Protein backbone atom coordinates (compact mmCIF):
# COMPACT_ATOMS: atom_id res chain seq x y z
CA UNK A 1 74.86 62.90 165.34
CA UNK A 2 77.71 64.89 166.95
CA UNK A 3 81.33 64.40 166.00
CA UNK A 4 83.55 62.34 168.23
CA UNK A 5 85.78 64.28 170.60
CA UNK A 6 89.28 64.76 169.24
CA UNK A 7 92.03 63.08 171.28
CA UNK A 8 94.17 66.16 170.58
CA UNK A 9 91.80 68.18 172.73
CA UNK A 10 92.63 66.15 175.82
CA UNK A 11 96.32 66.19 174.94
CA UNK A 12 96.29 69.99 174.58
CA UNK A 13 94.57 70.39 177.94
CA UNK A 14 97.09 68.09 179.62
CA UNK A 15 99.99 70.06 178.11
CA UNK A 16 98.49 73.28 179.43
CA UNK A 17 97.92 71.84 182.91
CA UNK A 18 101.43 70.38 183.09
CA UNK A 19 102.86 73.83 182.47
CA UNK A 20 100.63 75.38 185.18
CA UNK A 21 98.93 77.48 182.52
CA UNK A 22 102.17 79.14 181.41
CA UNK A 23 102.48 77.57 177.96
CA UNK A 24 101.04 79.82 175.28
CA UNK A 25 98.16 78.40 173.30
CA UNK A 26 99.95 79.06 170.02
CA UNK A 27 102.86 76.89 171.21
CA UNK A 28 100.48 74.06 172.09
CA UNK A 29 98.81 74.39 168.70
CA UNK A 30 102.10 74.17 166.83
CA UNK A 31 103.18 71.14 168.89
CA UNK A 32 99.94 69.33 168.03
CA UNK A 33 99.86 70.46 164.40
CA UNK A 34 96.50 72.25 164.61
CA UNK A 35 95.46 75.87 164.16
CA UNK A 36 95.54 78.34 167.04
CA UNK A 37 91.80 78.89 166.81
CA UNK A 38 91.12 75.18 167.36
CA UNK A 39 93.08 75.26 170.59
CA UNK A 40 91.38 78.44 171.77
CA UNK A 41 87.89 77.06 171.22
């Protein structure tokens, strides 16, 4: 059975869209308290 989708994933995507793609992924990761690689994947 697959894992449930993390709500942080949707939040990270919304943050990125709100900034018109200008926010760096490492900044989003630090704001959400997750690793950079989790945001990239």
